[in-house]
Amino acid sequence: MAANQRRLAAIGNYQLSSITIGKGSFSKVMLANHIILNKSVALKVMSLCKIEDPYVKKNVQREASIMSKLHHPNVVALHEVCSTKDFFCLAMDFYSGGTLCDLVQDHPSGKLDEEQAKF
């Protein structure tokens, strides 16, 4: 980390850990802890200054809206949206054990059988 950069420590009621679960071109998914509830969450932190395309900026809020309507046992739930002038954050369920991509890649055949995929 450059000397002039500081690590974001907290957003709203969420204390960020140093663990990055995943990252993209303008966002990171960080392991965070809800300070009041003492509950671990996956916090997707989108840096708004890194988004130059107006269409992509519009879709940031659209992603939250769509996630709020999804209720399925195999889809992580959106719990809260936090927004500042610099960041847009989605607080979601945290499940340890890696990503779906990890599960498929680690499988000997490189794919899941039907029963495992249904679970």
N, C-alpha and C. Protein backbone atom coordinates (compact mmCIF):
# COMPACT_ATOMS: atom_id res chain seq x y z
N MET A 1 0.86 -1.17 0.00
CA MET A 1 0.00 0.00 0.00
C MET A 1 0.90 1.23 0.00
N ALA A 2 0.63 2.19 -0.86
CA ALA A 2 1.43 3.41 -0.94
C ALA A 2 1.30 4.21 0.35
N ALA A 3 2.32 5.01 0.62
CA ALA A 3 2.34 5.79 1.86
C ALA A 3 1.19 6.77 1.96
N ASN A 4 0.71 7.27 0.81
CA ASN A 4 -0.37 8.27 0.86
C ASN A 4 -1.76 7.63 0.86
N GLN A 5 -1.84 6.31 0.82
CA GLN A 5 -3.14 5.63 0.86
C GLN A 5 -3.42 5.13 2.27
N ARG A 6 -4.69 5.26 2.67
CA ARG A 6 -5.09 4.74 3.98
C ARG A 6 -6.08 3.61 3.74
N ARG A 7 -6.07 2.63 4.62
CA ARG A 7 -7.01 1.52 4.53
C ARG A 7 -8.31 1.94 5.19
N LEU A 8 -9.41 1.69 4.50
CA LEU A 8 -10.74 1.98 5.03
C LEU A 8 -10.98 1.04 6.21
N ALA A 9 -11.34 1.57 7.37
CA ALA A 9 -11.48 0.76 8.58
C ALA A 9 -12.93 0.42 8.90
N ALA A 10 -13.87 1.32 8.58
CA ALA A 10 -15.27 1.09 8.93
C ALA A 10 -16.17 1.88 7.99
N ILE A 11 -17.35 1.32 7.75
CA ILE A 11 -18.40 1.99 7.00
C ILE A 11 -19.69 1.75 7.76
N GLY A 12 -20.34 2.82 8.18
CA GLY A 12 -21.57 2.67 8.95
C GLY A 12 -21.31 1.84 10.20
N ASN A 13 -22.12 0.83 10.41
CA ASN A 13 -21.97 -0.06 11.57
C ASN A 13 -21.06 -1.25 11.29
N TYR A 14 -20.30 -1.20 10.20
CA TYR A 14 -19.48 -2.34 9.79
C TYR A 14 -17.99 -2.04 9.96
N GLN A 15 -17.33 -2.88 10.75
CA GLN A 15 -15.89 -2.82 10.94
C GLN A 15 -15.27 -3.76 9.91
N LEU A 16 -14.43 -3.22 9.02
CA LEU A 16 -13.82 -4.04 7.98
C LEU A 16 -12.60 -4.78 8.51
N SER A 17 -12.45 -6.03 8.12
CA SER A 17 -11.25 -6.77 8.46
C SER A 17 -10.24 -6.57 7.33
N SER A 18 -9.07 -7.14 7.46
CA SER A 18 -8.06 -7.03 6.41
C SER A 18 -8.23 -8.12 5.35
N ILE A 19 -9.26 -8.96 5.49
CA ILE A 19 -9.47 -10.08 4.58
C ILE A 19 -10.32 -9.66 3.39
N THR A 20 -9.75 -9.80 2.20
CA THR A 20 -10.48 -9.54 0.96
C THR A 20 -10.97 -10.87 0.43
N ILE A 21 -12.29 -10.98 0.26
CA ILE A 21 -12.91 -12.22 -0.23
C ILE A 21 -12.84 -12.28 -1.75
N GLY A 22 -12.99 -11.14 -2.40
CA GLY A 22 -12.93 -11.07 -3.85
C GLY A 22 -12.76 -9.63 -4.29
N LYS A 23 -12.41 -9.44 -5.57
CA LYS A 23 -12.27 -8.07 -6.06
C LYS A 23 -12.53 -8.01 -7.55
N GLY A 24 -12.95 -6.82 -7.98
CA GLY A 24 -13.21 -6.55 -9.38
C GLY A 24 -12.56 -5.25 -9.78
N SER A 25 -12.97 -4.69 -10.90
CA SER A 25 -12.31 -3.49 -11.41
C SER A 25 -12.59 -2.25 -10.56
N PHE A 26 -13.73 -2.18 -9.90
CA PHE A 26 -14.04 -1.01 -9.08
C PHE A 26 -14.61 -1.38 -7.72
N SER A 27 -14.51 -2.65 -7.34
CA SER A 27 -15.05 -3.04 -6.04
C SER A 27 -14.21 -4.14 -5.40
N LYS A 28 -14.38 -4.26 -4.10
CA LYS A 28 -13.79 -5.35 -3.32
C LYS A 28 -14.88 -5.91 -2.43
N VAL A 29 -14.83 -7.20 -2.20
CA VAL A 29 -15.72 -7.81 -1.21
C VAL A 29 -14.84 -8.13 -0.01
N MET A 30 -15.16 -7.48 1.10
CA MET A 30 -14.37 -7.60 2.32
C MET A 30 -15.16 -8.34 3.40
N LEU A 31 -14.45 -9.08 4.22
CA LEU A 31 -15.07 -9.65 5.40
C LEU A 31 -15.22 -8.52 6.41
N ALA A 32 -16.42 -8.35 6.93
CA ALA A 32 -16.68 -7.26 7.89
C ALA A 32 -17.50 -7.80 9.04
N ASN A 33 -17.54 -7.04 10.11
CA ASN A 33 -18.30 -7.41 11.29
C ASN A 33 -19.26 -6.28 11.64
N HIS A 34 -20.55 -6.62 11.80
CA HIS A 34 -21.53 -5.62 12.23
C HIS A 34 -21.22 -5.33 13.70
N ILE A 35 -20.90 -4.08 13.99
CA ILE A 35 -20.42 -3.70 15.32
C ILE A 35 -21.46 -3.98 16.41
N ILE A 36 -22.71 -3.68 16.16
CA ILE A 36 -23.75 -3.83 17.17
C ILE A 36 -24.18 -5.28 17.31
N LEU A 37 -24.41 -5.97 16.19
CA LEU A 37 -24.91 -7.34 16.22
C LEU A 37 -23.82 -8.39 16.37
N ASN A 38 -22.56 -7.98 16.20
CA ASN A 38 -21.43 -8.90 16.23
C ASN A 38 -21.65 -10.06 15.26
N LYS A 39 -21.98 -9.72 14.02
CA LYS A 39 -22.27 -10.71 12.99
C LYS A 39 -21.35 -10.48 11.79
N SER A 40 -20.72 -11.56 11.30
CA SER A 40 -19.86 -11.45 10.12
C SER A 40 -20.70 -11.33 8.86
N VAL A 41 -20.28 -10.45 7.97
CA VAL A 41 -20.95 -10.25 6.69
C VAL A 41 -19.89 -10.11 5.60
N ALA A 42 -20.33 -10.32 4.37
CA ALA A 42 -19.50 -9.99 3.22
C ALA A 42 -19.94 -8.60 2.79
N LEU A 43 -19.03 -7.66 2.79
CA LEU A 43 -19.36 -6.28 2.45
C LEU A 43 -18.72 -5.93 1.11
N LYS A 44 -19.56 -5.76 0.10
CA LYS A 44 -19.07 -5.37 -1.22
C LYS A 44 -18.93 -3.86 -1.21
N VAL A 45 -17.69 -3.38 -1.32
CA VAL A 45 -17.38 -1.97 -1.26
C VAL A 45 -17.03 -1.50 -2.66
N MET A 46 -17.88 -0.65 -3.23
CA MET A 46 -17.65 -0.13 -4.57
C MET A 46 -17.13 1.30 -4.47
N SER A 47 -15.99 1.54 -5.06
CA SER A 47 -15.39 2.86 -5.07
C SER A 47 -15.97 3.64 -6.24
N LEU A 48 -16.82 4.61 -5.94
CA LEU A 48 -17.54 5.34 -6.98
C LEU A 48 -16.61 6.17 -7.86
N CYS A 49 -15.48 6.62 -7.34
CA CYS A 49 -14.56 7.43 -8.15
C CYS A 49 -13.88 6.60 -9.24
N LYS A 50 -13.88 5.28 -9.10
CA LYS A 50 -13.26 4.41 -10.11
C LYS A 50 -14.22 4.06 -11.24
N ILE A 51 -15.49 4.42 -11.10
CA ILE A 51 -16.49 4.13 -12.13
C ILE A 51 -16.65 5.36 -13.02
N GLU A 52 -16.23 5.22 -14.26
CA GLU A 52 -16.31 6.36 -15.19
C GLU A 52 -17.55 6.29 -16.08
N ASP A 53 -18.00 5.09 -16.40
CA ASP A 53 -19.13 4.91 -17.30
C ASP A 53 -20.45 5.20 -16.58
N PRO A 54 -21.25 6.18 -17.06
CA PRO A 54 -22.53 6.51 -16.41
C PRO A 54 -23.49 5.33 -16.34
N TYR A 55 -23.45 4.46 -17.35
CA TYR A 55 -24.32 3.28 -17.36
C TYR A 55 -23.96 2.35 -16.20
N VAL A 56 -22.68 2.17 -15.96
CA VAL A 56 -22.24 1.32 -14.85
C VAL A 56 -22.63 1.95 -13.52
N LYS A 57 -22.47 3.26 -13.39
CA LYS A 57 -22.87 3.95 -12.15
C LYS A 57 -24.35 3.75 -11.86
N LYS A 58 -25.17 3.82 -12.90
CA LYS A 58 -26.61 3.62 -12.75
C LYS A 58 -26.91 2.18 -12.28
N ASN A 59 -26.14 1.23 -12.78
CA ASN A 59 -26.38 -0.17 -12.44
C ASN A 59 -25.94 -0.55 -11.04
N VAL A 60 -25.15 0.28 -10.39
CA VAL A 60 -24.75 0.02 -9.00
C VAL A 60 -26.00 -0.04 -8.13
N GLN A 61 -26.87 0.94 -8.27
CA GLN A 61 -28.10 0.95 -7.48
C GLN A 61 -29.07 -0.12 -7.97
N ARG A 62 -29.04 -0.40 -9.25
CA ARG A 62 -29.90 -1.44 -9.82
C ARG A 62 -29.55 -2.82 -9.23
N GLU A 63 -28.24 -3.08 -9.05
CA GLU A 63 -27.80 -4.34 -8.45
C GLU A 63 -28.41 -4.51 -7.07
N ALA A 64 -28.38 -3.45 -6.26
CA ALA A 64 -28.95 -3.51 -4.92
C ALA A 64 -30.45 -3.76 -4.97
N SER A 65 -31.13 -3.09 -5.88
CA SER A 65 -32.57 -3.25 -6.02
C SER A 65 -32.94 -4.69 -6.40
N ILE A 66 -32.21 -5.26 -7.34
CA ILE A 66 -32.48 -6.64 -7.77
C ILE A 66 -32.17 -7.62 -6.64
N MET A 67 -31.03 -7.43 -5.97
CA MET A 67 -30.67 -8.33 -4.86
C MET A 67 -31.70 -8.30 -3.75
N SER A 68 -32.31 -7.15 -3.50
CA SER A 68 -33.28 -7.04 -2.42
C SER A 68 -34.54 -7.85 -2.70
N LYS A 69 -34.78 -8.18 -3.96
CA LYS A 69 -35.96 -8.94 -4.35
C LYS A 69 -35.72 -10.44 -4.42
N LEU A 70 -34.46 -10.85 -4.30
CA LEU A 70 -34.13 -12.27 -4.39
C LEU A 70 -34.24 -12.93 -3.02
N HIS A 71 -35.01 -14.00 -2.96
CA HIS A 71 -35.15 -14.77 -1.72
C HIS A 71 -35.11 -16.24 -2.10
N HIS A 72 -33.94 -16.85 -1.98
CA HIS A 72 -33.75 -18.25 -2.35
C HIS A 72 -32.66 -18.82 -1.45
N PRO A 73 -32.81 -20.07 -1.01
CA PRO A 73 -31.81 -20.64 -0.09
C PRO A 73 -30.40 -20.74 -0.68
N ASN A 74 -30.27 -20.72 -2.00
CA ASN A 74 -28.95 -20.83 -2.62
C ASN A 74 -28.40 -19.50 -3.12
N VAL A 75 -29.02 -18.40 -2.73
CA VAL A 75 -28.56 -17.06 -3.11
C VAL A 75 -28.31 -16.28 -1.83
N VAL A 76 -27.14 -15.64 -1.74
CA VAL A 76 -26.85 -14.85 -0.54
C VAL A 76 -27.84 -13.69 -0.43
N ALA A 77 -28.24 -13.40 0.78
CA ALA A 77 -29.22 -12.34 1.03
C ALA A 77 -28.53 -11.00 1.21
N LEU A 78 -29.16 -9.96 0.70
CA LEU A 78 -28.71 -8.59 0.91
C LEU A 78 -29.38 -8.10 2.20
N HIS A 79 -28.56 -7.60 3.13
CA HIS A 79 -29.10 -7.13 4.41
C HIS A 79 -29.22 -5.61 4.50
N GLU A 80 -28.26 -4.92 3.89
CA GLU A 80 -28.26 -3.46 4.04
C GLU A 80 -27.43 -2.84 2.93
N VAL A 81 -27.78 -1.62 2.58
CA VAL A 81 -27.02 -0.82 1.64
C VAL A 81 -26.50 0.40 2.39
N CYS A 82 -25.21 0.66 2.29
CA CYS A 82 -24.59 1.84 2.89
C CYS A 82 -24.03 2.67 1.75
N SER A 83 -24.23 3.97 1.83
CA SER A 83 -23.77 4.83 0.75
C SER A 83 -23.15 6.11 1.31
N THR A 84 -22.01 6.48 0.76
CA THR A 84 -21.38 7.76 1.06
C THR A 84 -21.08 8.43 -0.28
N LYS A 85 -20.47 9.59 -0.26
CA LYS A 85 -20.17 10.24 -1.54
C LYS A 85 -19.08 9.48 -2.30
N ASP A 86 -18.27 8.71 -1.61
CA ASP A 86 -17.16 8.00 -2.25
C ASP A 86 -17.41 6.51 -2.45
N PHE A 87 -18.29 5.92 -1.63
CA PHE A 87 -18.49 4.47 -1.65
C PHE A 87 -19.96 4.08 -1.68
N PHE A 88 -20.23 2.93 -2.28
CA PHE A 88 -21.55 2.32 -2.27
C PHE A 88 -21.31 0.89 -1.82
N CYS A 89 -21.97 0.46 -0.75
CA CYS A 89 -21.67 -0.83 -0.15
C CYS A 89 -22.92 -1.70 -0.01
N LEU A 90 -22.73 -2.99 -0.23
CA LEU A 90 -23.78 -3.98 -0.06
C LEU A 90 -23.36 -4.95 1.03
N ALA A 91 -24.13 -5.03 2.11
CA ALA A 91 -23.86 -5.97 3.20
C ALA A 91 -24.67 -7.23 2.93
N MET A 92 -23.95 -8.35 2.76
CA MET A 92 -24.59 -9.62 2.38
C MET A 92 -24.18 -10.73 3.34
N ASP A 93 -24.90 -11.85 3.24
CA ASP A 93 -24.52 -13.04 4.01
C ASP A 93 -23.07 -13.39 3.71
N PHE A 94 -22.36 -13.87 4.74
CA PHE A 94 -21.01 -14.39 4.54
C PHE A 94 -21.03 -15.90 4.77
N TYR A 95 -20.54 -16.62 3.79
CA TYR A 95 -20.39 -18.07 3.91
C TYR A 95 -18.94 -18.41 3.69
N SER A 96 -18.33 -19.08 4.67
CA SER A 96 -16.93 -19.47 4.52
C SER A 96 -16.85 -20.69 3.61
N GLY A 97 -15.67 -20.98 3.14
CA GLY A 97 -15.49 -22.18 2.34
C GLY A 97 -15.21 -21.91 0.87
N GLY A 98 -15.12 -20.66 0.48
CA GLY A 98 -14.77 -20.36 -0.90
C GLY A 98 -15.97 -20.04 -1.76
N THR A 99 -15.70 -19.85 -3.03
CA THR A 99 -16.72 -19.47 -4.00
C THR A 99 -17.24 -20.69 -4.75
N LEU A 100 -18.30 -20.50 -5.48
CA LEU A 100 -18.83 -21.55 -6.35
C LEU A 100 -17.76 -21.96 -7.36
N CYS A 101 -17.02 -20.98 -7.86
CA CYS A 101 -15.94 -21.27 -8.82
C CYS A 101 -14.90 -22.20 -8.17
N ASP A 102 -14.54 -21.94 -6.91
CA ASP A 102 -13.59 -22.79 -6.20
C ASP A 102 -14.12 -24.22 -6.11
N LEU A 103 -15.40 -24.37 -5.78
CA LEU A 103 -16.01 -25.69 -5.64
C LEU A 103 -15.94 -26.48 -6.95
N VAL A 104 -16.27 -25.81 -8.05
CA VAL A 104 -16.25 -26.49 -9.35
C VAL A 104 -14.82 -26.83 -9.75
N GLN A 105 -13.90 -25.89 -9.59
CA GLN A 105 -12.51 -26.13 -9.98
C GLN A 105 -11.86 -27.22 -9.15
N ASP A 106 -12.23 -27.33 -7.88
CA ASP A 106 -11.64 -28.34 -7.00
C ASP A 106 -12.24 -29.72 -7.21
N HIS A 107 -13.36 -29.82 -7.90
CA HIS A 107 -14.00 -31.11 -8.15
C HIS A 107 -13.15 -31.88 -9.17
N PRO A 108 -12.92 -33.18 -8.92
CA PRO A 108 -12.05 -33.96 -9.82
C PRO A 108 -12.43 -33.89 -11.31
N SER A 109 -13.72 -33.86 -11.61
CA SER A 109 -14.13 -33.83 -13.02
C SER A 109 -14.25 -32.41 -13.57
N GLY A 110 -14.06 -31.40 -12.71
CA GLY A 110 -14.17 -30.01 -13.16
C GLY A 110 -15.60 -29.55 -13.33
N LYS A 111 -16.54 -30.37 -12.90
CA LYS A 111 -17.96 -30.00 -12.94
C LYS A 111 -18.68 -30.69 -11.80
N LEU A 112 -19.85 -30.19 -11.45
CA LEU A 112 -20.63 -30.78 -10.37
C LEU A 112 -21.65 -31.74 -10.95
N ASP A 113 -21.89 -32.84 -10.25
CA ASP A 113 -22.96 -33.73 -10.71
C ASP A 113 -24.30 -33.10 -10.34
N GLU A 114 -25.37 -33.59 -10.89
CA GLU A 114 -26.68 -32.96 -10.74
C GLU A 114 -27.10 -32.84 -9.27
N GLU A 115 -26.89 -33.89 -8.49
CA GLU A 115 -27.32 -33.86 -7.08
C GLU A 115 -26.56 -32.80 -6.29
N GLN A 116 -25.27 -32.69 -6.54
CA GLN A 116 -24.47 -31.70 -5.82
C GLN A 116 -24.86 -30.28 -6.27
N ALA A 117 -25.15 -30.10 -7.54
CA ALA A 117 -25.53 -28.79 -8.07
C ALA A 117 -26.87 -28.35 -7.51
N LYS A 118 -27.78 -29.29 -7.25
CA LYS A 118 -29.10 -28.94 -6.70
C LYS A 118 -28.99 -28.48 -5.25
N PHE A 119 -28.00 -28.99 -4.53
CA PHE A 119 -27.85 -28.67 -3.11
C PHE A 119 -27.37 -27.28 -3.00
